[in-house]
Protein backbone atom coordinates (compact mmCIF):
# COMPACT_ATOMS: atom_id res chain seq x y z
CA MET A 1 -3.32 2.01 -36.05
CA PRO A 2 -2.09 1.11 -32.57
CA GLU A 3 1.62 0.53 -32.19
CA GLY A 4 2.66 -2.97 -31.44
CA PRO A 5 4.40 -4.01 -28.23
CA GLY A 6 7.86 -3.80 -29.79
CA THR A 7 7.56 -0.14 -30.93
CA ASP A 8 9.60 2.31 -28.95
CA ILE A 9 8.08 5.71 -29.72
CA ALA A 10 10.40 7.62 -27.38
CA ASN A 11 13.51 6.49 -29.33
CA GLY A 12 11.86 6.36 -32.71
CA ARG A 13 12.68 2.73 -33.48
CA ARG A 14 10.99 -0.53 -33.75
CA GLY A 15 12.50 -2.99 -31.29
CA ARG A 16 11.96 -6.58 -30.17
CA TRP A 17 9.54 -7.83 -27.56
CA ARG A 18 12.01 -6.86 -24.80
CA SER A 19 11.53 -3.18 -25.73
CA GLY A 20 7.73 -3.68 -25.56
CA ALA A 21 8.01 -5.24 -22.09
CA VAL A 22 10.17 -2.31 -20.93
CA ASN A 23 7.60 0.15 -22.36
CA ARG A 24 4.76 -1.70 -20.63
CA GLN A 25 6.55 -1.48 -17.28
CA ARG A 26 7.33 2.25 -17.92
CA ILE A 27 3.63 2.82 -18.59
CA LEU A 28 2.66 1.11 -15.33
CA GLU A 29 5.08 3.07 -13.28
CA ALA A 30 4.02 6.42 -14.91
CA ALA A 31 0.40 5.49 -14.39
CA ALA A 32 0.96 4.56 -10.73
CA GLU A 33 2.48 8.05 -10.19
CA ARG A 34 -0.31 9.88 -11.98
CA PHE A 35 -3.09 8.02 -10.34
CA ALA A 36 -1.60 8.53 -6.86
CA ALA A 37 -1.21 12.26 -7.48
CA GLU A 38 -4.44 13.06 -9.32
CA GLY A 39 -6.83 10.17 -8.89
CA PHE A 40 -8.54 8.21 -11.64
CA GLN A 41 -10.96 10.82 -12.86
CA ARG A 42 -8.45 13.63 -13.36
CA THR A 43 -5.67 11.44 -14.87
CA THR A 44 -5.62 11.20 -18.64
CA VAL A 45 -4.06 8.62 -20.94
CA LYS A 46 -2.27 11.42 -22.75
CA ALA A 47 -0.57 12.60 -19.61
CA ILE A 48 0.48 9.06 -18.69
CA ALA A 49 1.88 8.48 -22.14
CA ALA A 50 3.81 11.72 -21.93
CA ASP A 51 5.27 10.75 -18.57
CA ALA A 52 6.20 7.28 -19.88
CA GLY A 53 7.65 8.62 -23.16
CA VAL A 54 5.31 6.55 -25.38
CA ASP A 55 2.53 7.12 -27.79
CA PRO A 56 -1.03 6.93 -26.19
CA ALA A 57 -1.81 4.22 -28.78
CA MET A 58 0.62 1.97 -26.93
CA ILE A 59 -1.36 2.27 -23.76
CA HIS A 60 -4.50 1.27 -25.61
CA TYR A 61 -2.55 -1.65 -27.18
CA PHE A 62 -1.41 -3.09 -23.81
CA PHE A 63 -4.39 -2.17 -21.59
CA ARG A 64 -7.30 -1.36 -23.90
CA SER A 65 -8.52 1.59 -21.84
CA LYS A 66 -7.70 3.86 -18.96
CA GLN A 67 -9.77 1.57 -16.69
CA GLY A 68 -7.79 -1.38 -17.87
CA LEU A 69 -4.57 0.39 -17.06
CA TYR A 70 -5.94 1.36 -13.62
CA ASP A 71 -6.94 -2.26 -12.87
CA ALA A 72 -3.37 -3.36 -13.97
CA VAL A 73 -1.83 -0.88 -11.50
CA LEU A 74 -4.00 -2.03 -8.63
CA ASN A 75 -3.47 -5.81 -9.37
CA ARG A 76 0.09 -6.06 -10.55
CA HIS A 77 1.46 -7.20 -7.09
CA GLU A 78 1.02 -10.51 -5.40
CA PRO A 79 -0.96 -10.54 -2.11
CA VAL A 80 1.12 -10.55 1.07
CA ARG A 81 -0.02 -13.87 2.43
CA ASP A 82 1.46 -13.71 5.88
CA PRO A 83 2.65 -10.10 6.52
CA VAL A 84 3.75 -10.52 10.13
CA ALA A 85 5.12 -14.08 10.29
CA GLU A 86 8.81 -13.14 9.66
CA LEU A 87 8.64 -10.10 11.99
CA LEU A 88 7.29 -12.33 14.76
CA SER A 89 9.84 -15.14 14.21
CA ASP A 90 12.08 -13.58 16.88
CA GLY A 91 9.26 -13.30 19.40
CA LEU A 92 7.13 -10.40 20.56
CA GLU A 93 9.94 -8.43 22.12
CA HIS A 94 10.78 -5.34 20.00
CA PHE A 95 8.12 -6.35 17.47
CA GLY A 96 6.87 -2.81 17.36
CA GLU A 97 10.16 -1.46 16.19
CA ARG A 98 10.52 -4.20 13.56
CA LEU A 99 7.03 -3.60 12.26
CA VAL A 100 7.49 0.17 11.97
CA ARG A 101 10.88 -0.20 10.26
CA ARG A 102 9.47 -2.76 7.81
CA PHE A 103 6.49 -0.59 7.06
CA LEU A 104 8.76 2.40 6.29
CA GLU A 105 11.07 0.26 4.20
CA VAL A 106 8.15 -0.86 2.04
CA ASN A 107 6.61 2.64 1.71
CA GLU A 108 9.71 4.79 1.34
CA GLY A 109 11.74 3.42 -1.51
CA ASP A 110 13.39 0.13 -0.64
CA GLU A 111 10.42 -1.75 -2.34
CA PRO A 112 8.60 0.78 -4.40
CA GLY A 113 6.69 -1.95 -6.25
CA HIS A 114 5.21 -3.52 -3.12
CA ARG A 115 1.43 -4.02 -3.31
CA VAL A 116 0.74 -2.37 0.01
CA ALA A 117 2.78 0.68 -0.83
CA ALA A 118 0.91 1.06 -4.12
CA LEU A 119 -2.43 0.79 -2.35
CA MET A 120 -1.36 3.27 0.35
CA ARG A 121 -0.52 5.93 -2.22
CA LEU A 122 -3.64 5.38 -4.32
CA ALA A 123 -6.08 5.01 -1.42
CA VAL A 124 -5.77 8.73 -0.52
CA VAL A 125 -7.31 9.84 -3.79
CA ASP A 126 -9.61 7.00 -4.92
CA HIS A 127 -12.25 4.82 -3.38
CA GLU A 128 -11.38 1.49 -5.11
CA PRO A 129 -7.74 1.25 -3.78
CA ALA A 130 -9.03 2.45 -0.40
CA ALA A 131 -11.37 -0.54 -0.35
CA LEU A 132 -8.48 -2.87 -1.36
CA LEU A 133 -6.28 -1.44 1.40
CA ARG A 134 -9.08 -1.97 3.91
CA ASP A 135 -9.49 -5.54 2.62
CA PHE A 136 -5.71 -6.10 3.13
CA ILE A 137 -5.94 -4.80 6.69
CA GLU A 138 -9.05 -6.85 7.54
CA ASN A 139 -8.36 -10.08 5.65
CA GLU A 140 -4.55 -10.31 5.56
CA PHE A 141 -2.84 -8.22 8.22
CA ALA A 142 -5.30 -8.58 11.06
CA PRO A 143 -5.83 -12.41 10.63
CA SER A 144 -2.10 -12.95 10.33
CA LEU A 145 -1.45 -11.13 13.55
CA ALA A 146 -4.34 -12.93 15.27
CA ARG A 147 -2.81 -16.29 14.20
CA HIS A 148 0.59 -15.47 15.78
CA LEU A 149 -0.67 -13.92 18.98
CA ASP A 150 -2.31 -15.65 21.88
CA LEU A 151 -4.71 -12.76 22.47
CA PRO A 152 -8.53 -12.70 22.26
CA ASP A 153 -8.56 -9.17 20.99
CA ALA A 154 -5.72 -9.53 18.48
CA ARG A 155 -7.83 -8.27 15.53
CA LEU A 156 -8.77 -5.10 17.40
CA ARG A 157 -5.09 -4.48 18.29
CA ALA A 158 -4.18 -5.03 14.58
CA GLY A 159 -6.75 -2.44 13.59
CA LEU A 160 -5.29 0.09 16.07
CA ILE A 161 -1.80 -0.65 14.82
CA SER A 162 -3.01 -0.17 11.24
CA VAL A 163 -4.38 3.24 12.19
CA GLN A 164 -0.98 4.32 13.52
CA LEU A 165 0.95 3.12 10.47
CA VAL A 166 -1.44 4.51 7.88
CA GLY A 167 -1.48 7.81 9.80
CA VAL A 168 2.25 8.06 9.67
CA ALA A 169 2.33 7.41 5.96
CA VAL A 170 -0.42 9.97 5.11
CA THR A 171 1.12 12.64 7.41
CA ARG A 172 4.61 12.13 5.98
CA HIS A 173 3.90 11.76 2.31
CA HIS A 174 0.53 13.35 1.49
CA LEU A 175 -0.03 16.04 4.12
CA ARG A 176 3.71 16.73 4.52
CA VAL A 177 3.31 17.80 8.18
CA GLU A 178 6.48 18.84 9.74
CA PRO A 179 8.56 17.75 11.54
CA LEU A 180 7.26 14.27 10.91
CA ALA A 181 7.65 14.67 7.11
CA SER A 182 11.41 15.32 7.42
CA ALA A 183 12.19 12.91 10.26
CA SER A 184 14.52 10.08 9.59
CA VAL A 185 13.36 6.48 9.46
CA GLU A 186 15.31 5.77 12.67
CA THR A 187 13.54 8.66 14.41
CA ILE A 188 10.13 7.32 13.50
CA VAL A 189 11.08 3.80 14.50
CA THR A 190 12.34 5.09 17.89
CA LEU A 191 9.16 7.11 18.51
CA MET A 192 6.51 4.80 17.00
CA GLY A 193 7.97 1.44 17.95
CA PRO A 194 7.02 1.68 21.69
CA ILE A 195 3.48 2.87 20.77
CA ILE A 196 2.97 -0.23 18.57
CA GLN A 197 4.52 -2.33 21.27
CA ARG A 198 2.10 -1.07 23.97
CA LEU A 199 -0.82 -1.75 21.65
CA LEU A 200 0.23 -5.43 21.58
CA THR A 201 1.28 -6.03 25.24
CA GLU A 202 -0.69 -3.67 27.39
CA PRO A 203 -4.23 -4.55 28.53
CA LEU A 204 -7.10 -2.81 26.72
CA PRO A 205 -10.03 -1.36 28.72
CA GLU A 206 -12.54 -4.00 29.73
CA ASP A 207 -15.65 -1.81 29.39
CA MET A 208 -15.41 -1.47 25.62
CA ASP A 209 -18.33 0.12 23.82
CA GLN A 210 -20.74 -2.11 21.96
CA ALA A 211 -20.51 -2.32 18.17
CA PRO A 212 -23.49 -2.75 15.87
CA GLY A 213 -24.96 -6.29 16.04
CA GLY A 214 -24.47 -6.89 19.71
CA ALA A 215 -20.70 -7.64 19.52
CA ASN A 216 -18.17 -5.56 21.40
CA VAL A 217 -15.20 -4.13 19.61
CA THR A 218 -12.88 -6.83 20.97
CA GLY A 219 -14.76 -9.31 18.75
CA THR A 220 -16.51 -11.34 21.51
CA SER A 221 -20.26 -11.70 21.77
CA ALA A 222 -22.21 -9.57 24.16
């Protein structure tokens, strides 16, 4: 029979709901780690339970199935409604540095539960979070940047910026390419900030290639 939400298998005692809530959070954190490392298919409920220090029955009690747990990991964070508004509140000057620093803060420990950080980690191994990360870039980050910048090609620039940031995260944390993997946050900010700044302020080539459907990559009609 599945254990109830107040059962603490790791400590061998039956607690109150608070204990169940703690165990549920522990399961989510362990699952996020496993899914990010091994992907959905290779991850097992038994392994997650062992990492979380609970009985597998508790996972089924809270989440019904491995798919239910995976969905909970992907959807436990609120969308970032306007991800660049605060960073642009001081103007465009030094925006590149502020954006890189904020991105590193989110992805490297200051906010380990942030939705974008979770998607970044899972997108490397699974298609579903990769699609959600792409949706964030296309429907939250890029439109937010476009709203705050008086540039006709703001969405293209946002896409180019996203490539740079995602590349840094993958190189540092998944590929572990040195010396980038061991570089300090301030070193990355110093090196990457000007690159991001140029993508926002310097003119892009006028003879951009045509994209499918007759629109060029700046988003204007041919």
